[in-house]
């Protein structure tokens, strides 16, 4: 099965940029709410080193170099931003909820804005092999941000959805839920990498859990098509060019 190397590198670069912005949004929101912990830990920064998570980045690299038929996608995560909940305006639950939502909202908003910009790019950019790569990268960058935002809704540590659900649960249930944190990365790897790999190995195509990354990519590209005004087949053609 063919691997699109240019697309893979575009996905990785887009993912790393998206992670920087995503994690910076968490840190900035915490500071605006009165907690300087992320700033003192060097997280209120646009430096890649400050936000890189080895496992989350490795997962992205593996998925980016998947065969085109499987659906190369920028799935992964950055290093979680630590806050002091008691210093946050809005209280430990309300403040933490806002900090957690900041990354998701920022990634989704940025991805949708970039997708909207595609609508206004000159059609002449699609006429030669070099300039069309620019449009492709813009499309991939939009997809990476939307993917990162949607992926982080999952209530699994270290994704933002874990912290969101934790703050919304009653105290007793929240303490029980917190025990799942140690298994979060393993569950993510099983869902996003191991199950699709087993699906390929067994040539099983019917079970939906074998295709979660592909389904997510299809949904994101459909959304980009809707926002950009491009026909869906053209969005697919740009993404996989």
C-alpha atoms as a PDB file:
ATOM      1  CA  UNK A   1       0.000   0.000   0.000  1.00  0.00           C
ATOM      2  CA  UNK A   2       1.315   3.426  -1.007  1.00  0.00           C
ATOM      3  CA  UNK A   3       2.570   5.962   1.543  1.00  0.00           C
ATOM      4  CA  UNK A   4       2.365   9.663   0.683  1.00  0.00           C
ATOM      5  CA  UNK A   5       5.621  10.925   2.202  1.00  0.00           C
ATOM      6  CA  UNK A   6       4.994  14.605   1.403  1.00  0.00           C
ATOM      7  CA  UNK A   7       1.566  14.411   3.031  1.00  0.00           C
ATOM      8  CA  UNK A   8       3.061  12.654   6.063  1.00  0.00           C
ATOM      9  CA  UNK A   9       5.572  15.457   6.647  1.00  0.00           C
ATOM     10  CA  UNK A  10       2.863  18.083   6.162  1.00  0.00           C
ATOM     11  CA  UNK A  11       0.711  16.311   8.755  1.00  0.00           C
ATOM     12  CA  UNK A  12       3.568  16.149  11.268  1.00  0.00           C
ATOM     13  CA  UNK A  13       4.517  19.827  10.825  1.00  0.00           C
ATOM     14  CA  UNK A  14       0.860  20.895  11.015  1.00  0.00           C
ATOM     15  CA  UNK A  15       0.304  18.768  14.114  1.00  0.00           C
ATOM     16  CA  UNK A  16       3.332  20.251  15.900  1.00  0.00           C
ATOM     17  CA  UNK A  17       2.182  23.806  15.121  1.00  0.00           C
ATOM     18  CA  UNK A  18      -1.356  22.947  16.223  1.00  0.00           C
ATOM     19  CA  UNK A  19      -0.090  21.468  19.508  1.00  0.00           C
ATOM     20  CA  UNK A  20       1.927  24.607  20.291  1.00  0.00           C
ATOM     21  CA  UNK A  21      -1.150  26.819  19.804  1.00  0.00           C
ATOM     22  CA  UNK A  22      -3.423  24.375  21.641  1.00  0.00           C
ATOM     23  CA  UNK A  23      -1.239  24.109  24.737  1.00  0.00           C
ATOM     24  CA  UNK A  24      -0.417  27.824  24.714  1.00  0.00           C
ATOM     25  CA  UNK A  25      -4.176  28.511  24.829  1.00  0.00           C
ATOM     26  CA  UNK A  26      -4.418  26.411  27.996  1.00  0.00           C
ATOM     27  CA  UNK A  27      -1.522  28.251  29.636  1.00  0.00           C
ATOM     28  CA  UNK A  28      -2.731  31.704  28.605  1.00  0.00           C
ATOM     29  CA  UNK A  29      -6.259  31.022  29.856  1.00  0.00           C
ATOM     30  CA  UNK A  30      -4.887  29.868  33.220  1.00  0.00           C
ATOM     31  CA  UNK A  31      -2.868  33.083  33.509  1.00  0.00           C
ATOM     32  CA  UNK A  32      -5.897  35.210  32.596  1.00  0.00           C
ATOM     33  CA  UNK A  33      -7.830  33.409  35.320  1.00  0.00           C
ATOM     34  CA  UNK A  34      -5.182  34.264  37.914  1.00  0.00           C
ATOM     35  CA  UNK A  35      -2.971  31.154  38.010  1.00  0.00           C
ATOM     36  CA  UNK A  36       0.659  31.797  37.037  1.00  0.00           C
ATOM     37  CA  UNK A  37       1.728  28.150  37.451  1.00  0.00           C
ATOM     38  CA  UNK A  38       1.922  27.437  33.685  1.00  0.00           C
ATOM     39  CA  UNK A  39       3.940  30.622  33.147  1.00  0.00           C
ATOM     40  CA  UNK A  40       6.455  29.761  35.876  1.00  0.00           C
ATOM     41  CA  UNK A  41       6.788  26.265  34.391  1.00  0.00           C
ATOM     42  CA  UNK A  42       7.574  27.745  30.979  1.00  0.00           C
ATOM     43  CA  UNK A  43       4.313  26.630  29.374  1.00  0.00           C
ATOM     44  CA  UNK A  44       3.086  30.095  28.381  1.00  0.00           C
ATOM     45  CA  UNK A  45       5.442  29.902  25.443  1.00  0.00           C
ATOM     46  CA  UNK A  46       5.360  29.282  21.702  1.00  0.00           C
ATOM     47  CA  UNK A  47       8.399  27.019  21.983  1.00  0.00           C
ATOM     48  CA  UNK A  48       7.829  23.497  20.674  1.00  0.00           C
ATOM     49  CA  UNK A  49      10.081  22.000  23.346  1.00  0.00           C
ATOM     50  CA  UNK A  50       7.801  23.371  26.081  1.00  0.00           C
ATOM     51  CA  UNK A  51       4.757  21.509  24.784  1.00  0.00           C
ATOM     52  CA  UNK A  52       6.067  18.316  23.181  1.00  0.00           C
ATOM     53  CA  UNK A  53       4.900  14.981  24.571  1.00  0.00           C
ATOM     54  CA  UNK A  54       7.073  12.072  23.315  1.00  0.00           C
ATOM     55  CA  UNK A  55       4.300   9.452  23.201  1.00  0.00           C
ATOM     56  CA  UNK A  56       1.685  11.773  21.714  1.00  0.00           C
ATOM     57  CA  UNK A  57       4.140  12.914  19.035  1.00  0.00           C
ATOM     58  CA  UNK A  58       5.240   9.355  18.232  1.00  0.00           C
ATOM     59  CA  UNK A  59       1.608   8.343  17.703  1.00  0.00           C
ATOM     60  CA  UNK A  60       1.163  11.237  15.274  1.00  0.00           C
ATOM     61  CA  UNK A  61       4.284  10.249  13.304  1.00  0.00           C
ATOM     62  CA  UNK A  62       3.125   6.630  13.010  1.00  0.00           C
ATOM     63  CA  UNK A  63      -0.373   7.621  11.885  1.00  0.00           C
ATOM     64  CA  UNK A  64       0.969  10.232   9.451  1.00  0.00           C
ATOM     65  CA  UNK A  65       2.980   7.558   7.636  1.00  0.00           C
ATOM     66  CA  UNK A  66       0.013   5.215   7.295  1.00  0.00           C
ATOM     67  CA  UNK A  67      -0.890   4.035   3.815  1.00  0.00           C
ATOM     68  CA  UNK A  68      -3.147   6.407   1.887  1.00  0.00           C
ATOM     69  CA  UNK A  69      -5.916   3.787   1.773  1.00  0.00           C
ATOM     70  CA  UNK A  70      -6.029   3.706   5.591  1.00  0.00           C
ATOM     71  CA  UNK A  71      -6.086   7.490   5.997  1.00  0.00           C
ATOM     72  CA  UNK A  72      -2.978   9.363   7.196  1.00  0.00           C
ATOM     73  CA  UNK A  73      -4.046  11.683  10.031  1.00  0.00           C
ATOM     74  CA  UNK A  74      -2.458  13.909  12.677  1.00  0.00           C
ATOM     75  CA  UNK A  75      -3.665  12.308  15.895  1.00  0.00           C
ATOM     76  CA  UNK A  76      -1.704  12.790  19.095  1.00  0.00           C
ATOM     77  CA  UNK A  77      -1.405  15.099  22.067  1.00  0.00           C
ATOM     78  CA  UNK A  78       0.904  17.603  23.733  1.00  0.00           C
ATOM     79  CA  UNK A  79       2.235  17.730  27.270  1.00  0.00           C
ATOM     80  CA  UNK A  80      -0.681  18.504  29.637  1.00  0.00           C
ATOM     81  CA  UNK A  81      -0.598  22.002  31.157  1.00  0.00           C
ATOM     82  CA  UNK A  82      -0.563  21.819  34.949  1.00  0.00           C
ATOM     83  CA  UNK A  83      -2.496  24.405  36.952  1.00  0.00           C
ATOM     84  CA  UNK A  84      -3.244  25.143  40.593  1.00  0.00           C
ATOM     85  CA  UNK A  85      -7.068  24.848  40.616  1.00  0.00           C
ATOM     86  CA  UNK A  86      -7.394  26.853  43.828  1.00  0.00           C
ATOM     87  CA  UNK A  87      -5.752  29.904  42.260  1.00  0.00           C
ATOM     88  CA  UNK A  88      -8.123  29.997  39.304  1.00  0.00           C
ATOM     89  CA  UNK A  89     -10.940  32.511  39.243  1.00  0.00           C
ATOM     90  CA  UNK A  90     -14.175  30.615  38.923  1.00  0.00           C
ATOM     91  CA  UNK A  91     -13.144  28.066  41.519  1.00  0.00           C
ATOM     92  CA  UNK A  92     -11.293  24.770  41.167  1.00  0.00           C
ATOM     93  CA  UNK A  93     -14.023  23.238  39.007  1.00  0.00           C
ATOM     94  CA  UNK A  94     -15.211  26.223  36.994  1.00  0.00           C
ATOM     95  CA  UNK A  95     -11.711  27.577  36.405  1.00  0.00           C
ATOM     96  CA  UNK A  96     -10.304  24.170  35.468  1.00  0.00           C
ATOM     97  CA  UNK A  97     -13.219  23.624  33.091  1.00  0.00           C
ATOM     98  CA  UNK A  98     -12.483  26.904  31.297  1.00  0.00           C
ATOM     99  CA  UNK A  99      -8.764  26.102  31.014  1.00  0.00           C
ATOM    100  CA  UNK A 100      -9.559  22.654  29.604  1.00  0.00           C
ATOM    101  CA  UNK A 101     -12.054  24.025  27.095  1.00  0.00           C
ATOM    102  CA  UNK A 102      -9.635  26.718  25.927  1.00  0.00           C
ATOM    103  CA  UNK A 103      -7.457  24.288  23.986  1.00  0.00           C
ATOM    104  CA  UNK A 104     -10.385  22.561  22.278  1.00  0.00           C
ATOM    105  CA  UNK A 105     -12.124  25.813  21.347  1.00  0.00           C
ATOM    106  CA  UNK A 106      -8.882  27.371  20.071  1.00  0.00           C
ATOM    107  CA  UNK A 107      -7.997  24.366  17.901  1.00  0.00           C
ATOM    108  CA  UNK A 108     -11.489  24.090  16.435  1.00  0.00           C
ATOM    109  CA  UNK A 109     -11.798  27.842  15.830  1.00  0.00           C
ATOM    110  CA  UNK A 110      -8.371  28.068  14.192  1.00  0.00           C
ATOM    111  CA  UNK A 111      -9.055  25.043  12.000  1.00  0.00           C
ATOM    112  CA  UNK A 112     -12.399  26.421  10.851  1.00  0.00           C
ATOM    113  CA  UNK A 113     -10.948  29.889  10.158  1.00  0.00           C
ATOM    114  CA  UNK A 114      -8.139  28.374   8.083  1.00  0.00           C
ATOM    115  CA  UNK A 115     -10.697  26.223   6.236  1.00  0.00           C
ATOM    116  CA  UNK A 116     -12.694  29.393   5.516  1.00  0.00           C
ATOM    117  CA  UNK A 117      -9.549  31.053   4.132  1.00  0.00           C
ATOM    118  CA  UNK A 118      -9.283  28.284   1.542  1.00  0.00           C
ATOM    119  CA  UNK A 119     -12.478  29.683   0.001  1.00  0.00           C
ATOM    120  CA  UNK A 120     -10.654  32.943  -0.785  1.00  0.00           C
ATOM    121  CA  UNK A 121      -7.371  31.551  -2.105  1.00  0.00           C
ATOM    122  CA  UNK A 122      -6.785  32.422  -5.785  1.00  0.00           C
ATOM    123  CA  UNK A 123      -7.772  29.630  -8.154  1.00  0.00           C
ATOM    124  CA  UNK A 124      -4.449  30.163  -9.937  1.00  0.00           C
ATOM    125  CA  UNK A 125      -2.708  28.459  -6.999  1.00  0.00           C
ATOM    126  CA  UNK A 126      -4.196  25.181  -8.223  1.00  0.00           C
ATOM    127  CA  UNK A 127      -2.652  25.470 -11.664  1.00  0.00           C
ATOM    128  CA  UNK A 128       0.916  24.319 -11.033  1.00  0.00           C
ATOM    129  CA  UNK A 129       2.641  21.616  -9.026  1.00  0.00           C
ATOM    130  CA  UNK A 130       4.375  23.993  -6.595  1.00  0.00           C
ATOM    131  CA  UNK A 131       1.583  26.404  -5.664  1.00  0.00           C
ATOM    132  CA  UNK A 132      -0.930  23.593  -5.241  1.00  0.00           C
ATOM    133  CA  UNK A 133       1.307  22.294  -2.441  1.00  0.00           C
ATOM    134  CA  UNK A 134       0.650  25.584  -0.625  1.00  0.00           C
ATOM    135  CA  UNK A 135      -3.102  24.981  -0.825  1.00  0.00           C
ATOM    136  CA  UNK A 136      -2.536  21.376   0.252  1.00  0.00           C
ATOM    137  CA  UNK A 137      -0.582  22.484   3.323  1.00  0.00           C
ATOM    138  CA  UNK A 138      -3.306  24.985   4.267  1.00  0.00           C
ATOM    139  CA  UNK A 139      -5.864  22.172   3.961  1.00  0.00           C
ATOM    140  CA  UNK A 140      -3.737  19.798   6.036  1.00  0.00           C
ATOM    141  CA  UNK A 141      -3.144  22.496   8.680  1.00  0.00           C
ATOM    142  CA  UNK A 142      -6.892  23.146   8.932  1.00  0.00           C
ATOM    143  CA  UNK A 143      -7.502  19.400   9.248  1.00  0.00           C
ATOM    144  CA  UNK A 144      -4.792  18.985  11.907  1.00  0.00           C
ATOM    145  CA  UNK A 145      -6.312  21.691  14.119  1.00  0.00           C
ATOM    146  CA  UNK A 146      -9.889  20.437  13.762  1.00  0.00           C
ATOM    147  CA  UNK A 147      -8.719  16.874  14.398  1.00  0.00           C
ATOM    148  CA  UNK A 148      -6.787  17.925  17.502  1.00  0.00           C
ATOM    149  CA  UNK A 149      -9.817  19.782  18.853  1.00  0.00           C
ATOM    150  CA  UNK A 150     -12.245  16.903  18.253  1.00  0.00           C
ATOM    151  CA  UNK A 151      -9.806  14.253  19.471  1.00  0.00           C
ATOM    152  CA  UNK A 152      -9.337  16.110  22.756  1.00  0.00           C
ATOM    153  CA  UNK A 153     -13.039  15.816  23.536  1.00  0.00           C
ATOM    154  CA  UNK A 154     -12.486  12.139  24.380  1.00  0.00           C
ATOM    155  CA  UNK A 155     -12.642  11.677  28.190  1.00  0.00           C
ATOM    156  CA  UNK A 156      -9.307   9.871  28.366  1.00  0.00           C
ATOM    157  CA  UNK A 157      -6.161  11.140  30.079  1.00  0.00           C
ATOM    158  CA  UNK A 158      -4.124  13.076  28.935  1.00  0.00           C
ATOM    159  CA  UNK A 159      -6.768  14.551  26.620  1.00  0.00           C
ATOM    160  CA  UNK A 160      -8.804  17.590  27.646  1.00  0.00           C
ATOM    161  CA  UNK A 161     -12.033  15.622  27.741  1.00  0.00           C
ATOM    162  CA  UNK A 162     -10.715  13.735  30.778  1.00  0.00           C
ATOM    163  CA  UNK A 163     -10.310  16.955  32.767  1.00  0.00           C
ATOM    164  CA  UNK A 164     -13.643  18.316  31.533  1.00  0.00           C
ATOM    165  CA  UNK A 165     -15.537  15.227  32.653  1.00  0.00           C
ATOM    166  CA  UNK A 166     -13.639  15.152  35.949  1.00  0.00           C
ATOM    167  CA  UNK A 167     -14.745  18.704  36.808  1.00  0.00           C
ATOM    168  CA  UNK A 168     -18.368  17.957  35.888  1.00  0.00           C
ATOM    169  CA  UNK A 169     -18.696  14.790  37.967  1.00  0.00           C
ATOM    170  CA  UNK A 170     -19.786  14.825  41.637  1.00  0.00           C
ATOM    171  CA  UNK A 171     -16.846  14.484  44.041  1.00  0.00           C
ATOM    172  CA  UNK A 172     -17.257  10.770  44.768  1.00  0.00           C
ATOM    173  CA  UNK A 173     -17.629   9.808  41.115  1.00  0.00           C
ATOM    174  CA  UNK A 174     -14.765  12.133  40.150  1.00  0.00           C
ATOM    175  CA  UNK A 175     -12.398  10.332  42.534  1.00  0.00           C
ATOM    176  CA  UNK A 176     -13.368   6.978  41.039  1.00  0.00           C
ATOM    177  CA  UNK A 177     -12.987   8.360  37.519  1.00  0.00           C
ATOM    178  CA  UNK A 178      -9.507   9.715  38.360  1.00  0.00           C
ATOM    179  CA  UNK A 179      -8.272   6.137  38.726  1.00  0.00           C
ATOM    180  CA  UNK A 180      -8.713   5.698  34.975  1.00  0.00           C
ATOM    181  CA  UNK A 181      -5.985   8.270  34.243  1.00  0.00           C
ATOM    182  CA  UNK A 182      -3.159   5.728  34.441  1.00  0.00           C
ATOM    183  CA  UNK A 183      -4.792   3.660  31.694  1.00  0.00           C
ATOM    184  CA  UNK A 184      -5.659   6.613  29.426  1.00  0.00           C
ATOM    185  CA  UNK A 185      -2.648   6.553  27.066  1.00  0.00           C
ATOM    186  CA  UNK A 186      -2.901   2.769  26.708  1.00  0.00           C
ATOM    187  CA  UNK A 187      -6.613   2.937  25.833  1.00  0.00           C
ATOM    188  CA  UNK A 188      -5.904   5.667  23.257  1.00  0.00           C
ATOM    189  CA  UNK A 189      -3.151   3.629  21.605  1.00  0.00           C
ATOM    190  CA  UNK A 190      -5.407   0.560  21.475  1.00  0.00           C
ATOM    191  CA  UNK A 191      -8.302   2.518  19.929  1.00  0.00           C
ATOM    192  CA  UNK A 192      -6.273   4.571  17.475  1.00  0.00           C
ATOM    193  CA  UNK A 193      -3.422   2.239  16.517  1.00  0.00           C
ATOM    194  CA  UNK A 194      -3.737  -1.348  17.747  1.00  0.00           C
ATOM    195  CA  UNK A 195      -7.337  -2.014  16.672  1.00  0.00           C
ATOM    196  CA  UNK A 196      -6.880  -0.556  13.150  1.00  0.00           C
ATOM    197  CA  UNK A 197      -3.666  -2.586  12.829  1.00  0.00           C
ATOM    198  CA  UNK A 198      -5.495  -5.764  13.843  1.00  0.00           C
ATOM    199  CA  UNK A 199      -8.216  -4.910  11.337  1.00  0.00           C
ATOM    200  CA  UNK A 200      -5.624  -4.750   8.554  1.00  0.00           C
ATOM    201  CA  UNK A 201      -3.966  -7.934   9.747  1.00  0.00           C
ATOM    202  CA  UNK A 202      -7.209  -9.896   9.792  1.00  0.00           C
ATOM    203  CA  UNK A 203      -8.676  -8.231   6.675  1.00  0.00           C
ATOM    204  CA  UNK A 204     -11.753  -7.397   8.736  1.00  0.00           C
ATOM    205  CA  UNK A 205     -13.588  -4.335   7.476  1.00  0.00           C
ATOM    206  CA  UNK A 206     -16.983  -4.553   9.159  1.00  0.00           C
ATOM    207  CA  UNK A 207     -16.145  -3.632  12.754  1.00  0.00           C
ATOM    208  CA  UNK A 208     -16.292   0.177  13.147  1.00  0.00           C
ATOM    209  CA  UNK A 209     -13.641   0.274  15.908  1.00  0.00           C
ATOM    210  CA  UNK A 210     -11.100  -0.881  13.314  1.00  0.00           C
ATOM    211  CA  UNK A 211     -11.590   2.382  11.411  1.00  0.00           C
ATOM    212  CA  UNK A 212     -11.809   5.164  14.022  1.00  0.00           C
ATOM    213  CA  UNK A 213      -8.932   7.304  12.630  1.00  0.00           C
ATOM    214  CA  UNK A 214     -10.326   7.008   9.092  1.00  0.00           C
ATOM    215  CA  UNK A 215     -13.853   7.917  10.216  1.00  0.00           C
ATOM    216  CA  UNK A 216     -12.506  10.952  12.070  1.00  0.00           C
ATOM    217  CA  UNK A 217     -10.509  12.057   9.008  1.00  0.00           C
ATOM    218  CA  UNK A 218     -13.558  11.679   6.773  1.00  0.00           C
ATOM    219  CA  UNK A 219     -15.642  13.773   9.161  1.00  0.00           C
ATOM    220  CA  UNK A 220     -12.974  16.495   9.332  1.00  0.00           C
ATOM    221  CA  UNK A 221     -12.599  16.655   5.531  1.00  0.00           C
ATOM    222  CA  UNK A 222     -16.396  16.861   5.175  1.00  0.00           C
ATOM    223  CA  UNK A 223     -16.387  19.801   7.584  1.00  0.00           C
ATOM    224  CA  UNK A 224     -13.580  21.511   5.649  1.00  0.00           C
ATOM    225  CA  UNK A 225     -15.575  21.009   2.443  1.00  0.00           C
ATOM    226  CA  UNK A 226     -18.622  22.627   4.035  1.00  0.00           C
ATOM    227  CA  UNK A 227     -16.691  25.646   5.367  1.00  0.00           C
ATOM    228  CA  UNK A 228     -14.386  26.178   2.382  1.00  0.00           C
ATOM    229  CA  UNK A 229     -17.079  25.803  -0.244  1.00  0.00           C
ATOM    230  CA  UNK A 230     -14.983  23.244  -2.103  1.00  0.00           C
ATOM    231  CA  UNK A 231     -16.645  20.088  -3.404  1.00  0.00           C
ATOM    232  CA  UNK A 232     -15.787  17.153  -1.120  1.00  0.00           C
ATOM    233  CA  UNK A 233     -13.930  15.300  -3.878  1.00  0.00           C
ATOM    234  CA  UNK A 234     -11.735  18.384  -4.413  1.00  0.00           C
ATOM    235  CA  UNK A 235     -10.938  18.558  -0.680  1.00  0.00           C
ATOM    236  CA  UNK A 236      -9.930  14.892  -0.741  1.00  0.00           C
ATOM    237  CA  UNK A 237      -7.838  15.515  -3.851  1.00  0.00           C
ATOM    238  CA  UNK A 238      -6.063  18.439  -2.166  1.00  0.00           C
ATOM    239  CA  UNK A 239      -5.439  16.572   1.080  1.00  0.00           C
ATOM    240  CA  UNK A 240      -4.038  13.455  -0.608  1.00  0.00           C
ATOM    241  CA  UNK A 241      -2.314  15.267  -3.519  1.00  0.00           C
END
